[in-house]
Each structure stands twice: as C-alpha cells, then as structure tokens.
C-alpha cells in the first residue's frame, strides 16, 4: 500500500460491542513501530500508539526509549483494543466506537534492522475476551479490508504537466494514513514513458538504527524519511528510496531520477543520482511521488518540514534532455 520498506499487519473484525482484544508481541528490531485503530469500511482514522508511547510488560524494556539498547531483551508488550466506555484494561489501551460495526487495527514496522526479517510469525498474537466475563472467547467474524483504493486511470487527465521546475505540495491523507506522518509532500505530473522525472531535496537528519546495535537516540529531525513512486490509481507503492540506503551528497542533498532503460540508470549512477525504475503500468498517464517524514521533531516540524530545500522539487524532461545534462536546474560549483 505505501512504503516498500515497511511491513503491515492488519486485523479486521465486525464489532458487536461485547468483546475486547489483547495484542501481545515483541518490540520489533526496526526504525519505527505503531499500533493504530481504524473505523468503517473506508478506514477512518481512530486511535494510535507509536513505539515510544508503549509501556513494556513487567520485566521487559522498550528499545524505542532514549538510551536503551536497540537489541535489549526481553522486549515484550501488551496492547488492549476495546470499545469506548470499557473499563481500564491495561496501560496501553486503544478504543474504538461502540456504534461502528467495521473495525480494524494495523501494526506497522518500518525499515527492519540488519538481519531482521518480518514474517507472519513476527507479528503479535491477538486474542478476544468477553467484556462481561473477562475470559477468552471466540474472535468476531472478520471482514475483507480493501488494501487498494481504485481510481480509474483517466483521473490522470485531471493532471497536467507543470512548466519547468515545480515544488511538491502538502497533502493530509485521512483515510488509513499513518498518524506518525500527519501529512505528506506529494508531487505529480503527466509523464510519458520517453520522459524522466528528476527530483532533488535536502535530506532530513535521522538516527540510523539499521545495524541493530547501539542505544536508541531521538536527537534527529525525523525518525524516518522516504521518497516513493506510487501507482496512483491503486495507491500502490512501486519503488521507494529509504533514508538509510540513500546517503546525501556532500551538501546534504539527495537527487533521484525516475525513468526507463539502462542508459538512464547508467547516467544517473555516473552523476551520483539515485535511480528509481519507472514501474508504472503501461496505461499510466501520470506519475505521483510521496515524500514522508515519520515523527518529525517539534522544532523541525515547526520551522523546516516540507519547506524550502527540505521540500522536494521536480522537473519532467525528455530522456534526451537528461542524458545531455539540460534537465538540471540547481546551481553547481
């Protein structure tokens, strides 16, 4: 659905107001983790807990806490998901509307650490309990969560091709969005398959936990950032640049190129740009990029996020223009 460097676990159930759910798992070895509830068939945002907010089980530690070892053990947690008005069941409790029949909750893991694989076995275990007896009971019937939002390709006709260089705009995605992101920067344009998209931005600072060792440190501008090329009609992530795989140049900038063919890939590598293969379906008439900043620091969010050089700029060019060097717009030494 979103970032190709993320894993999602989804539990959906038909709410009858008589049950609550106990979610037991282990804090993942990853950059970011959250548990969030959604309401209705269209995934209206509900409540959320991000990793650092979750109180660990007695005797365990939360590795997303300042100064705690990333590989600390034990690392168990319990989250309670209940209807509004239910008694306090535990320290980590998320609620959902008693009146809403369609409920789901998501587990998000972003950028697993080196050697960490996310499989079904790594996802938390979920058990249903009776509100009346507080004893285990059968889980409610599930309902099929629609992972893809289908928009006809002709919606690309509502787009145009902006002249020259243009900046990403800010968009707030309410349905199914990650509350730790809040808003995204998005750039889109009509683009044919004999063209390229050239994107440039200043990279926010982040704590690189990929090695999986060391102590957690929150002193950075964002927890995680990525740039993703999306198949807009299906809200489908095609290819993403993740922060820890995309070191900026000596001036702190990341430059990315989306296009087709080995000549574009080779020229991007020669110039030190990151290549994102154009993986759109053959009937696509537009291209759309989403730039996400997860958990920005208050100072960065207030002063710099999606502003100035921290907001990507994009230009659509003919392949020949890129190959001959006439697609760039920034000042060079």
C-alpha atoms as a PDB file:
ATOM      1  CA  UNK A   1       0.000   0.000   0.000  1.00  0.00           C
ATOM      2  CA  UNK A   2       2.610   2.535   0.971  1.00  0.00           C
ATOM      3  CA  UNK A   3       6.340   2.223   1.569  1.00  0.00           C
ATOM      4  CA  UNK A   4       8.195  -0.732   0.072  1.00  0.00           C
ATOM      5  CA  UNK A   5      10.495  -0.723   3.140  1.00  0.00           C
ATOM      6  CA  UNK A   6       7.587  -1.265   5.543  1.00  0.00           C
ATOM      7  CA  UNK A   7       5.553  -4.259   6.675  1.00  0.00           C
ATOM      8  CA  UNK A   8       1.919  -4.117   7.754  1.00  0.00           C
ATOM      9  CA  UNK A   9      -0.170  -6.489   9.826  1.00  0.00           C
ATOM     10  CA  UNK A  10      -3.941  -5.969   9.652  1.00  0.00           C
ATOM     11  CA  UNK A  11      -6.676  -7.418  11.854  1.00  0.00           C
ATOM     12  CA  UNK A  12     -10.293  -6.634  10.909  1.00  0.00           C
ATOM     13  CA  UNK A  13     -13.408  -7.639  12.805  1.00  0.00           C
ATOM     14  CA  UNK A  14     -17.150  -6.999  12.907  1.00  0.00           C
ATOM     15  CA  UNK A  15     -17.839  -5.232  16.174  1.00  0.00           C
ATOM     16  CA  UNK A  16     -20.780  -6.433  18.279  1.00  0.00           C
ATOM     17  CA  UNK A  17     -19.831  -4.398  21.366  1.00  0.00           C
ATOM     18  CA  UNK A  18     -19.265  -7.438  23.599  1.00  0.00           C
ATOM     19  CA  UNK A  19     -15.541  -8.079  23.151  1.00  0.00           C
ATOM     20  CA  UNK A  20     -12.126  -6.564  23.517  1.00  0.00           C
ATOM     21  CA  UNK A  21      -8.835  -7.720  22.048  1.00  0.00           C
ATOM     22  CA  UNK A  22      -5.470  -8.359  23.689  1.00  0.00           C
ATOM     23  CA  UNK A  23      -2.461  -7.894  21.409  1.00  0.00           C
ATOM     24  CA  UNK A  24       0.763  -9.481  22.686  1.00  0.00           C
ATOM     25  CA  UNK A  25       4.030  -9.078  20.848  1.00  0.00           C
ATOM     26  CA  UNK A  26       7.670  -8.088  20.908  1.00  0.00           C
ATOM     27  CA  UNK A  27       9.023  -4.656  20.070  1.00  0.00           C
ATOM     28  CA  UNK A  28      10.485  -5.157  16.588  1.00  0.00           C
ATOM     29  CA  UNK A  29      14.076  -4.521  15.594  1.00  0.00           C
ATOM     30  CA  UNK A  30      13.101  -1.761  13.227  1.00  0.00           C
ATOM     31  CA  UNK A  31      13.215   2.009  12.838  1.00  0.00           C
ATOM     32  CA  UNK A  32       9.580   2.627  13.704  1.00  0.00           C
ATOM     33  CA  UNK A  33       6.611   0.688  15.043  1.00  0.00           C
ATOM     34  CA  UNK A  34       2.983   1.598  15.760  1.00  0.00           C
ATOM     35  CA  UNK A  35      -0.437   0.163  16.550  1.00  0.00           C
ATOM     36  CA  UNK A  36      -3.457   2.067  15.198  1.00  0.00           C
ATOM     37  CA  UNK A  37      -7.204   1.528  15.056  1.00  0.00           C
ATOM     38  CA  UNK A  38      -9.470   2.429  12.131  1.00  0.00           C
ATOM     39  CA  UNK A  39     -13.231   2.603  11.836  1.00  0.00           C
ATOM     40  CA  UNK A  40     -15.584   1.880   8.964  1.00  0.00           C
ATOM     41  CA  UNK A  41     -15.090   0.146   5.662  1.00  0.00           C
ATOM     42  CA  UNK A  42     -13.078   3.116   4.377  1.00  0.00           C
ATOM     43  CA  UNK A  43     -10.633   3.066   7.287  1.00  0.00           C
ATOM     44  CA  UNK A  44     -11.451   6.280   9.072  1.00  0.00           C
ATOM     45  CA  UNK A  45      -8.619   7.141  11.446  1.00  0.00           C
ATOM     46  CA  UNK A  46      -9.127   6.096  15.060  1.00  0.00           C
ATOM     47  CA  UNK A  47      -6.603   5.976  17.910  1.00  0.00           C
ATOM     48  CA  UNK A  48      -2.880   5.223  17.825  1.00  0.00           C
ATOM     49  CA  UNK A  49       0.156   4.296  19.879  1.00  0.00           C
ATOM     50  CA  UNK A  50       3.618   4.874  18.442  1.00  0.00           C
ATOM     51  CA  UNK A  51       6.521   2.796  19.678  1.00  0.00           C
ATOM     52  CA  UNK A  52       7.948   5.174  22.311  1.00  0.00           C
ATOM     53  CA  UNK A  53       4.489   5.568  23.916  1.00  0.00           C
ATOM     54  CA  UNK A  54       4.018   1.853  24.619  1.00  0.00           C
ATOM     55  CA  UNK A  55       4.744   0.735  28.175  1.00  0.00           C
ATOM     56  CA  UNK A  56       6.618  -2.601  28.109  1.00  0.00           C
ATOM     57  CA  UNK A  57       5.449  -5.653  30.037  1.00  0.00           C
ATOM     58  CA  UNK A  58       6.817  -6.040  33.585  1.00  0.00           C
ATOM     59  CA  UNK A  59      10.447  -7.138  33.387  1.00  0.00           C
ATOM     60  CA  UNK A  60      10.765  -6.030  29.746  1.00  0.00           C
ATOM     61  CA  UNK A  61      12.215  -2.863  28.202  1.00  0.00           C
ATOM     62  CA  UNK A  62      11.099  -0.621  25.352  1.00  0.00           C
ATOM     63  CA  UNK A  63      14.034  -0.286  22.912  1.00  0.00           C
ATOM     64  CA  UNK A  64      12.466   2.888  21.474  1.00  0.00           C
ATOM     65  CA  UNK A  65      13.244   4.708  24.732  1.00  0.00           C
ATOM     66  CA  UNK A  66      16.123   7.180  24.922  1.00  0.00           C
ATOM     67  CA  UNK A  67      19.423   5.481  25.771  1.00  0.00           C
ATOM     68  CA  UNK A  68      18.052   1.905  25.765  1.00  0.00           C
ATOM     69  CA  UNK A  69      19.992  -0.684  23.743  1.00  0.00           C
ATOM     70  CA  UNK A  70      18.402  -1.387  20.359  1.00  0.00           C
ATOM     71  CA  UNK A  71      18.885  -5.133  20.839  1.00  0.00           C
ATOM     72  CA  UNK A  72      17.777  -5.177  24.502  1.00  0.00           C
ATOM     73  CA  UNK A  73      15.937  -8.238  25.821  1.00  0.00           C
ATOM     74  CA  UNK A  74      13.302  -9.060  26.913  1.00  0.00           C
ATOM     75  CA  UNK A  75      11.163  -6.706  24.814  1.00  0.00           C
ATOM     76  CA  UNK A  76       7.550  -7.798  25.250  1.00  0.00           C
ATOM     77  CA  UNK A  77       4.474  -5.556  25.193  1.00  0.00           C
ATOM     78  CA  UNK A  78       0.688  -5.864  25.527  1.00  0.00           C
ATOM     79  CA  UNK A  79      -1.875  -3.572  23.899  1.00  0.00           C
ATOM     80  CA  UNK A  80      -5.608  -3.661  24.674  1.00  0.00           C
ATOM     81  CA  UNK A  81      -8.137  -2.705  21.989  1.00  0.00           C
ATOM     82  CA  UNK A  82     -11.635  -2.142  23.334  1.00  0.00           C
ATOM     83  CA  UNK A  83     -14.948  -0.359  22.705  1.00  0.00           C
ATOM     84  CA  UNK A  84     -15.308   3.148  24.107  1.00  0.00           C
ATOM     85  CA  UNK A  85     -16.562   3.079  27.697  1.00  0.00           C
ATOM     86  CA  UNK A  86     -14.858  -0.214  28.539  1.00  0.00           C
ATOM     87  CA  UNK A  87     -13.078  -0.325  31.905  1.00  0.00           C
ATOM     88  CA  UNK A  88      -9.362   0.301  32.067  1.00  0.00           C
ATOM     89  CA  UNK A  89      -7.769  -2.966  30.994  1.00  0.00           C
ATOM     90  CA  UNK A  90      -4.105  -2.033  30.979  1.00  0.00           C
ATOM     91  CA  UNK A  91      -1.613   0.751  30.423  1.00  0.00           C
ATOM     92  CA  UNK A  92      -1.667   0.532  26.620  1.00  0.00           C
ATOM     93  CA  UNK A  93      -5.324   0.786  25.660  1.00  0.00           C
ATOM     94  CA  UNK A  94      -6.811   1.900  22.335  1.00  0.00           C
ATOM     95  CA  UNK A  95     -10.550   2.371  21.914  1.00  0.00           C
ATOM     96  CA  UNK A  96     -12.982   2.265  19.012  1.00  0.00           C
ATOM     97  CA  UNK A  97     -16.553   3.456  18.585  1.00  0.00           C
ATOM     98  CA  UNK A  98     -19.190   1.179  20.099  1.00  0.00           C
ATOM     99  CA  UNK A  99     -21.549   2.102  17.265  1.00  0.00           C
ATOM    100  CA  UNK A 100     -19.209   1.341  14.360  1.00  0.00           C
ATOM    101  CA  UNK A 101     -19.585  -2.202  13.011  1.00  0.00           C
ATOM    102  CA  UNK A 102     -16.443  -2.350  10.859  1.00  0.00           C
ATOM    103  CA  UNK A 103     -13.244  -2.068  12.898  1.00  0.00           C
ATOM    104  CA  UNK A 104      -9.625  -2.803  12.036  1.00  0.00           C
ATOM    105  CA  UNK A 105      -6.234  -2.231  13.567  1.00  0.00           C
ATOM    106  CA  UNK A 106      -2.856  -2.035  11.890  1.00  0.00           C
ATOM    107  CA  UNK A 107       0.642  -2.989  13.037  1.00  0.00           C
ATOM    108  CA  UNK A 108       3.346  -1.028  11.197  1.00  0.00           C
ATOM    109  CA  UNK A 109       7.054  -1.899  11.040  1.00  0.00           C
ATOM    110  CA  UNK A 110       9.331   0.479   9.115  1.00  0.00           C
ATOM    111  CA  UNK A 111      12.876  -0.300   7.976  1.00  0.00           C
ATOM    112  CA  UNK A 112      13.769  -3.530   9.809  1.00  0.00           C
ATOM    113  CA  UNK A 113      17.308  -3.645  11.200  1.00  0.00           C
ATOM    114  CA  UNK A 114      20.130  -5.593   9.575  1.00  0.00           C
ATOM    115  CA  UNK A 115      19.292  -9.310   9.508  1.00  0.00           C
ATOM    116  CA  UNK A 116      15.754  -8.810  10.844  1.00  0.00           C
ATOM    117  CA  UNK A 117      13.101 -10.469   8.713  1.00  0.00           C
ATOM    118  CA  UNK A 118       9.419  -9.658   9.179  1.00  0.00           C
ATOM    119  CA  UNK A 119       7.269 -12.758   8.754  1.00  0.00           C
ATOM    120  CA  UNK A 120       3.799 -13.691   9.937  1.00  0.00           C
ATOM    121  CA  UNK A 121       5.445 -15.343  12.948  1.00  0.00           C
ATOM    122  CA  UNK A 122       6.904 -11.961  13.979  1.00  0.00           C
ATOM    123  CA  UNK A 123       3.513 -10.274  14.164  1.00  0.00           C
ATOM    124  CA  UNK A 124       1.807 -10.094  17.565  1.00  0.00           C
ATOM    125  CA  UNK A 125      -0.726 -12.656  18.741  1.00  0.00           C
ATOM    126  CA  UNK A 126      -4.319 -11.467  19.097  1.00  0.00           C
ATOM    127  CA  UNK A 127      -6.899 -12.959  21.450  1.00  0.00           C
ATOM    128  CA  UNK A 128     -10.537 -11.959  22.007  1.00  0.00           C
ATOM    129  CA  UNK A 129     -12.002 -11.568  25.506  1.00  0.00           C
ATOM    130  CA  UNK A 130     -15.547 -11.127  26.756  1.00  0.00           C
ATOM    131  CA  UNK A 131     -16.189  -7.700  28.297  1.00  0.00           C
ATOM    132  CA  UNK A 132     -18.708  -9.310  30.639  1.00  0.00           C
ATOM    133  CA  UNK A 133     -16.619 -12.187  31.987  1.00  0.00           C
ATOM    134  CA  UNK A 134     -13.061 -11.025  31.148  1.00  0.00           C
ATOM    135  CA  UNK A 135     -12.457 -14.577  29.895  1.00  0.00           C
ATOM    136  CA  UNK A 136     -11.160 -15.639  26.465  1.00  0.00           C
ATOM    137  CA  UNK A 137     -13.850 -16.007  23.841  1.00  0.00           C
ATOM    138  CA  UNK A 138     -14.151 -16.600  20.117  1.00  0.00           C
ATOM    139  CA  UNK A 139     -12.934 -13.871  17.783  1.00  0.00           C
ATOM    140  CA  UNK A 140     -15.566 -11.910  15.915  1.00  0.00           C
ATOM    141  CA  UNK A 141     -16.077 -12.608  12.246  1.00  0.00           C
ATOM    142  CA  UNK A 142     -13.569 -10.807  10.048  1.00  0.00           C
ATOM    143  CA  UNK A 143     -14.316  -8.647   7.011  1.00  0.00           C
ATOM    144  CA  UNK A 144     -12.153  -8.135   3.914  1.00  0.00           C
ATOM    145  CA  UNK A 145     -10.081  -4.966   4.228  1.00  0.00           C
ATOM    146  CA  UNK A 146      -9.690  -3.348   0.835  1.00  0.00           C
ATOM    147  CA  UNK A 147      -5.975  -2.657   0.612  1.00  0.00           C
ATOM    148  CA  UNK A 148      -6.177  -0.868  -2.712  1.00  0.00           C
ATOM    149  CA  UNK A 149      -8.245   2.196  -3.470  1.00  0.00           C
ATOM    150  CA  UNK A 150      -9.132   2.034  -7.138  1.00  0.00           C
ATOM    151  CA  UNK A 151      -9.139   5.254  -9.122  1.00  0.00           C
ATOM    152  CA  UNK A 152      -9.588   4.968 -12.892  1.00  0.00           C
ATOM    153  CA  UNK A 153      -6.523   5.799 -14.955  1.00  0.00           C
ATOM    154  CA  UNK A 154      -8.471   8.594 -16.659  1.00  0.00           C
ATOM    155  CA  UNK A 155      -8.068  10.608 -13.475  1.00  0.00           C
ATOM    156  CA  UNK A 156      -4.599  11.269 -14.808  1.00  0.00           C
ATOM    157  CA  UNK A 157      -6.331  13.538 -17.284  1.00  0.00           C
ATOM    158  CA  UNK A 158      -7.112  15.847 -14.373  1.00  0.00           C
ATOM    159  CA  UNK A 159      -3.397  16.374 -14.007  1.00  0.00           C
ATOM    160  CA  UNK A 160      -1.267  18.492 -16.282  1.00  0.00           C
ATOM    161  CA  UNK A 161       2.424  18.926 -16.904  1.00  0.00           C
ATOM    162  CA  UNK A 162       3.635  21.941 -14.935  1.00  0.00           C
ATOM    163  CA  UNK A 163       6.091  24.162 -16.751  1.00  0.00           C
ATOM    164  CA  UNK A 164       9.717  23.771 -15.715  1.00  0.00           C
ATOM    165  CA  UNK A 165      10.574  23.099 -12.081  1.00  0.00           C
ATOM    166  CA  UNK A 166       7.798  22.765  -9.506  1.00  0.00           C
ATOM    167  CA  UNK A 167       7.696  22.005  -5.786  1.00  0.00           C
ATOM    168  CA  UNK A 168       5.869  19.199  -4.046  1.00  0.00           C
ATOM    169  CA  UNK A 169       2.630  20.248  -2.353  1.00  0.00           C
ATOM    170  CA  UNK A 170       1.430  19.134   1.064  1.00  0.00           C
ATOM    171  CA  UNK A 171      -1.389  16.636   1.420  1.00  0.00           C
ATOM    172  CA  UNK A 172      -3.053  15.220   4.512  1.00  0.00           C
ATOM    173  CA  UNK A 173      -4.378  11.717   3.943  1.00  0.00           C
ATOM    174  CA  UNK A 174      -7.087  10.989   6.493  1.00  0.00           C
ATOM    175  CA  UNK A 175      -8.176   7.541   5.376  1.00  0.00           C
ATOM    176  CA  UNK A 176      -5.838   4.811   6.511  1.00  0.00           C
ATOM    177  CA  UNK A 177      -2.987   7.255   6.979  1.00  0.00           C
ATOM    178  CA  UNK A 178      -0.164   6.788   9.447  1.00  0.00           C
ATOM    179  CA  UNK A 179      -0.734   9.272  12.263  1.00  0.00           C
ATOM    180  CA  UNK A 180       3.028   9.472  12.855  1.00  0.00           C
ATOM    181  CA  UNK A 181       3.312  11.113   9.433  1.00  0.00           C
ATOM    182  CA  UNK A 182       0.385  13.524   9.686  1.00  0.00           C
ATOM    183  CA  UNK A 183       0.902  14.993   6.248  1.00  0.00           C
ATOM    184  CA  UNK A 184       2.930  14.101   3.195  1.00  0.00           C
ATOM    185  CA  UNK A 185       4.580  16.116   0.459  1.00  0.00           C
ATOM    186  CA  UNK A 186       3.374  14.937  -2.947  1.00  0.00           C
ATOM    187  CA  UNK A 187       4.456  15.743  -6.476  1.00  0.00           C
ATOM    188  CA  UNK A 188       2.618  14.631  -9.586  1.00  0.00           C
ATOM    189  CA  UNK A 189       2.507  15.371 -13.290  1.00  0.00           C
ATOM    190  CA  UNK A 190       1.589  13.903 -16.608  1.00  0.00           C
ATOM    191  CA  UNK A 191       4.542  11.859 -17.793  1.00  0.00           C
ATOM    192  CA  UNK A 192       5.063   9.636 -20.824  1.00  0.00           C
ATOM    193  CA  UNK A 193       7.407   6.655 -20.932  1.00  0.00           C
ATOM    194  CA  UNK A 194      10.017   8.521 -23.019  1.00  0.00           C
ATOM    195  CA  UNK A 195      10.424  11.066 -20.223  1.00  0.00           C
ATOM    196  CA  UNK A 196      12.133  11.140 -16.835  1.00  0.00           C
ATOM    197  CA  UNK A 197      11.333  12.780 -13.515  1.00  0.00           C
ATOM    198  CA  UNK A 198      14.264  14.497 -11.793  1.00  0.00           C
ATOM    199  CA  UNK A 199      13.754  15.176  -8.061  1.00  0.00           C
ATOM    200  CA  UNK A 200      16.018  16.981  -5.598  1.00  0.00           C
ATOM    201  CA  UNK A 201      15.696  17.842  -1.896  1.00  0.00           C
ATOM    202  CA  UNK A 202      17.725  18.370   1.260  1.00  0.00           C
ATOM    203  CA  UNK A 203      17.614  15.211   3.378  1.00  0.00           C
ATOM    204  CA  UNK A 204      16.395  15.493   6.983  1.00  0.00           C
ATOM    205  CA  UNK A 205      18.683  14.037   9.637  1.00  0.00           C
ATOM    206  CA  UNK A 206      17.724  10.698  11.228  1.00  0.00           C
ATOM    207  CA  UNK A 207      19.102   8.136  13.656  1.00  0.00           C
ATOM    208  CA  UNK A 208      20.291   5.177  11.604  1.00  0.00           C
ATOM    209  CA  UNK A 209      19.395   2.047  13.564  1.00  0.00           C
ATOM    210  CA  UNK A 210      19.989  -0.338  10.668  1.00  0.00           C
ATOM    211  CA  UNK A 211      22.918  -2.075  12.397  1.00  0.00           C
ATOM    212  CA  UNK A 212      20.590  -3.069  15.225  1.00  0.00           C
ATOM    213  CA  UNK A 213      23.206  -2.269  17.871  1.00  0.00           C
ATOM    214  CA  UNK A 214      23.918   0.782  19.991  1.00  0.00           C
ATOM    215  CA  UNK A 215      21.469   2.823  22.044  1.00  0.00           C
ATOM    216  CA  UNK A 216      18.284   4.493  20.862  1.00  0.00           C
ATOM    217  CA  UNK A 217      18.700   8.199  20.144  1.00  0.00           C
ATOM    218  CA  UNK A 218      15.858  10.571  19.297  1.00  0.00           C
ATOM    219  CA  UNK A 219      18.021  13.651  18.621  1.00  0.00           C
ATOM    220  CA  UNK A 220      17.312  13.985  14.889  1.00  0.00           C
ATOM    221  CA  UNK A 221      14.954  15.886  12.633  1.00  0.00           C
ATOM    222  CA  UNK A 222      12.824  12.843  11.769  1.00  0.00           C
ATOM    223  CA  UNK A 223      12.608   9.209  12.796  1.00  0.00           C
ATOM    224  CA  UNK A 224      12.499   8.071   9.164  1.00  0.00           C
ATOM    225  CA  UNK A 225      12.015   9.510   5.691  1.00  0.00           C
ATOM    226  CA  UNK A 226      11.361   8.003   2.291  1.00  0.00           C
ATOM    227  CA  UNK A 227      10.512   9.020  -1.259  1.00  0.00           C
ATOM    228  CA  UNK A 228       8.094   6.682  -3.038  1.00  0.00           C
ATOM    229  CA  UNK A 229       6.868   6.423  -6.608  1.00  0.00           C
ATOM    230  CA  UNK A 230       3.227   5.356  -6.393  1.00  0.00           C
ATOM    231  CA  UNK A 231       0.758   3.900  -8.841  1.00  0.00           C
ATOM    232  CA  UNK A 232      -1.901   6.482  -8.046  1.00  0.00           C
ATOM    233  CA  UNK A 233      -4.969   4.590  -9.316  1.00  0.00           C
ATOM    234  CA  UNK A 234      -4.315   1.800  -6.786  1.00  0.00           C
ATOM    235  CA  UNK A 235      -2.490   3.717  -4.030  1.00  0.00           C
ATOM    236  CA  UNK A 236       0.274   1.182  -4.618  1.00  0.00           C
ATOM    237  CA  UNK A 237       3.896   1.770  -3.661  1.00  0.00           C
ATOM    238  CA  UNK A 238       6.083   0.839  -6.630  1.00  0.00           C
ATOM    239  CA  UNK A 239       9.609   1.730  -5.573  1.00  0.00           C
ATOM    240  CA  UNK A 240      10.927   3.772  -2.631  1.00  0.00           C
ATOM    241  CA  UNK A 241      14.165   5.410  -1.592  1.00  0.00           C
ATOM    242  CA  UNK A 242      14.682   4.956   2.150  1.00  0.00           C
ATOM    243  CA  UNK A 243      16.911   7.253   4.187  1.00  0.00           C
ATOM    244  CA  UNK A 244      19.481   4.696   5.367  1.00  0.00           C
ATOM    245  CA  UNK A 245      20.019   3.436   1.797  1.00  0.00           C
ATOM    246  CA  UNK A 246      20.266   6.914   0.297  1.00  0.00           C
ATOM    247  CA  UNK A 247      23.199   8.930   1.697  1.00  0.00           C
ATOM    248  CA  UNK A 248      23.040  12.583   0.617  1.00  0.00           C
ATOM    249  CA  UNK A 249      25.811  14.315  -1.327  1.00  0.00           C
ATOM    250  CA  UNK A 250      28.456  16.478   0.362  1.00  0.00           C
ATOM    251  CA  UNK A 251      26.000  19.382   0.503  1.00  0.00           C
ATOM    252  CA  UNK A 252      23.279  17.292   2.150  1.00  0.00           C
ATOM    253  CA  UNK A 253      21.062  16.823  -0.926  1.00  0.00           C
ATOM    254  CA  UNK A 254      19.504  13.722  -2.465  1.00  0.00           C
ATOM    255  CA  UNK A 255      18.866  13.702  -6.207  1.00  0.00           C
ATOM    256  CA  UNK A 256      16.665  10.977  -7.703  1.00  0.00           C
ATOM    257  CA  UNK A 257      15.782  10.055 -11.274  1.00  0.00           C
ATOM    258  CA  UNK A 258      12.764   8.012 -12.352  1.00  0.00           C
ATOM    259  CA  UNK A 259      12.848   6.667 -15.882  1.00  0.00           C
ATOM    260  CA  UNK A 260      13.209   3.600 -18.065  1.00  0.00           C
ATOM    261  CA  UNK A 261      16.191   1.924 -19.643  1.00  0.00           C
ATOM    262  CA  UNK A 262      19.781   1.086 -18.858  1.00  0.00           C
ATOM    263  CA  UNK A 263      21.110   4.326 -20.362  1.00  0.00           C
ATOM    264  CA  UNK A 264      19.105   6.391 -17.835  1.00  0.00           C
ATOM    265  CA  UNK A 265      20.233   4.146 -14.993  1.00  0.00           C
ATOM    266  CA  UNK A 266      23.889   4.390 -16.054  1.00  0.00           C
ATOM    267  CA  UNK A 267      23.795   8.167 -16.449  1.00  0.00           C
ATOM    268  CA  UNK A 268      22.130   8.575 -13.050  1.00  0.00           C
ATOM    269  CA  UNK A 269      24.884   6.474 -11.450  1.00  0.00           C
ATOM    270  CA  UNK A 270      27.593   8.449 -13.250  1.00  0.00           C
ATOM    271  CA  UNK A 271      26.255  11.680 -11.776  1.00  0.00           C
ATOM    272  CA  UNK A 272      25.751  10.278  -8.280  1.00  0.00           C
ATOM    273  CA  UNK A 273      21.960  10.370  -8.534  1.00  0.00           C
ATOM    274  CA  UNK A 274      19.657   7.632  -7.243  1.00  0.00           C
ATOM    275  CA  UNK A 275      17.760   5.714  -9.907  1.00  0.00           C
ATOM    276  CA  UNK A 276      14.120   4.719  -9.400  1.00  0.00           C
ATOM    277  CA  UNK A 277      12.929   2.492 -12.249  1.00  0.00           C
ATOM    278  CA  UNK A 278       9.627   3.581 -13.795  1.00  0.00           C
ATOM    279  CA  UNK A 279       7.376   0.672 -12.795  1.00  0.00           C
ATOM    280  CA  UNK A 280       4.019   2.197 -13.663  1.00  0.00           C
ATOM    281  CA  UNK A 281       1.503   0.077 -15.605  1.00  0.00           C
ATOM    282  CA  UNK A 282       1.640   0.568 -19.353  1.00  0.00           C
ATOM    283  CA  UNK A 283      -1.615   2.563 -19.417  1.00  0.00           C
ATOM    284  CA  UNK A 284      -0.439   5.123 -16.823  1.00  0.00           C
ATOM    285  CA  UNK A 285      -0.671   8.744 -17.922  1.00  0.00           C
ATOM    286  CA  UNK A 286       0.623  10.394 -14.764  1.00  0.00           C
ATOM    287  CA  UNK A 287       3.318   9.864 -12.176  1.00  0.00           C
ATOM    288  CA  UNK A 288       2.960  10.560  -8.459  1.00  0.00           C
ATOM    289  CA  UNK A 289       5.602  10.729  -5.712  1.00  0.00           C
ATOM    290  CA  UNK A 290       5.006  10.783  -1.965  1.00  0.00           C
ATOM    291  CA  UNK A 291       7.650  12.115   0.430  1.00  0.00           C
ATOM    292  CA  UNK A 292       7.037  11.017   4.036  1.00  0.00           C
ATOM    293  CA  UNK A 293       8.624  12.238   7.257  1.00  0.00           C
ATOM    294  CA  UNK A 294       7.809   9.987  10.222  1.00  0.00           C
ATOM    295  CA  UNK A 295       7.771  11.540  13.706  1.00  0.00           C
ATOM    296  CA  UNK A 296       9.393  14.907  12.938  1.00  0.00           C
ATOM    297  CA  UNK A 297      10.882  16.675  15.950  1.00  0.00           C
ATOM    298  CA  UNK A 298       8.769  19.614  17.158  1.00  0.00           C
ATOM    299  CA  UNK A 299      11.414  22.111  16.044  1.00  0.00           C
ATOM    300  CA  UNK A 300      11.804  20.582  12.582  1.00  0.00           C
ATOM    301  CA  UNK A 301       8.033  20.290  12.121  1.00  0.00           C
ATOM    302  CA  UNK A 302       7.512  23.928  13.069  1.00  0.00           C
ATOM    303  CA  UNK A 303      10.366  25.507  11.122  1.00  0.00           C
ATOM    304  CA  UNK A 304      11.583  23.330   8.250  1.00  0.00           C
ATOM    305  CA  UNK A 305       9.433  20.321   7.401  1.00  0.00           C
ATOM    306  CA  UNK A 306       8.316  20.395   3.744  1.00  0.00           C
ATOM    307  CA  UNK A 307       9.670  23.933   3.474  1.00  0.00           C
ATOM    308  CA  UNK A 308      12.464  25.412   1.389  1.00  0.00           C
ATOM    309  CA  UNK A 309      15.101  22.905   0.397  1.00  0.00           C
ATOM    310  CA  UNK A 310      13.515  20.256   2.642  1.00  0.00           C
ATOM    311  CA  UNK A 311      10.545  20.177   0.254  1.00  0.00           C
ATOM    312  CA  UNK A 312      11.374  18.221  -2.927  1.00  0.00           C
ATOM    313  CA  UNK A 313      11.425  19.938  -6.298  1.00  0.00           C
ATOM    314  CA  UNK A 314      10.741  18.064  -9.505  1.00  0.00           C
ATOM    315  CA  UNK A 315      11.111  18.528 -13.239  1.00  0.00           C
ATOM    316  CA  UNK A 316       9.787  16.339 -16.057  1.00  0.00           C
ATOM    317  CA  UNK A 317      12.166  16.122 -19.022  1.00  0.00           C
ATOM    318  CA  UNK A 318      12.676  14.189 -22.212  1.00  0.00           C
ATOM    319  CA  UNK A 319      15.157  11.346 -21.839  1.00  0.00           C
ATOM    320  CA  UNK A 320      17.456  13.104 -24.313  1.00  0.00           C
ATOM    321  CA  UNK A 321      17.481  16.247 -22.142  1.00  0.00           C
ATOM    322  CA  UNK A 322      18.520  14.290 -19.108  1.00  0.00           C
ATOM    323  CA  UNK A 323      21.237  12.413 -20.974  1.00  0.00           C
ATOM    324  CA  UNK A 324      22.723  15.633 -22.354  1.00  0.00           C
ATOM    325  CA  UNK A 325      22.609  17.342 -18.945  1.00  0.00           C
ATOM    326  CA  UNK A 326      19.976  20.002 -19.681  1.00  0.00           C
ATOM    327  CA  UNK A 327      17.377  18.794 -17.170  1.00  0.00           C
ATOM    328  CA  UNK A 328      19.151  20.045 -14.025  1.00  0.00           C
ATOM    329  CA  UNK A 329      18.138  23.428 -12.634  1.00  0.00           C
ATOM    330  CA  UNK A 330      20.214  23.962  -9.476  1.00  0.00           C
ATOM    331  CA  UNK A 331      23.394  25.971  -9.224  1.00  0.00           C
ATOM    332  CA  UNK A 332      26.564  23.898  -9.353  1.00  0.00           C
ATOM    333  CA  UNK A 333      30.161  24.560  -8.412  1.00  0.00           C
END
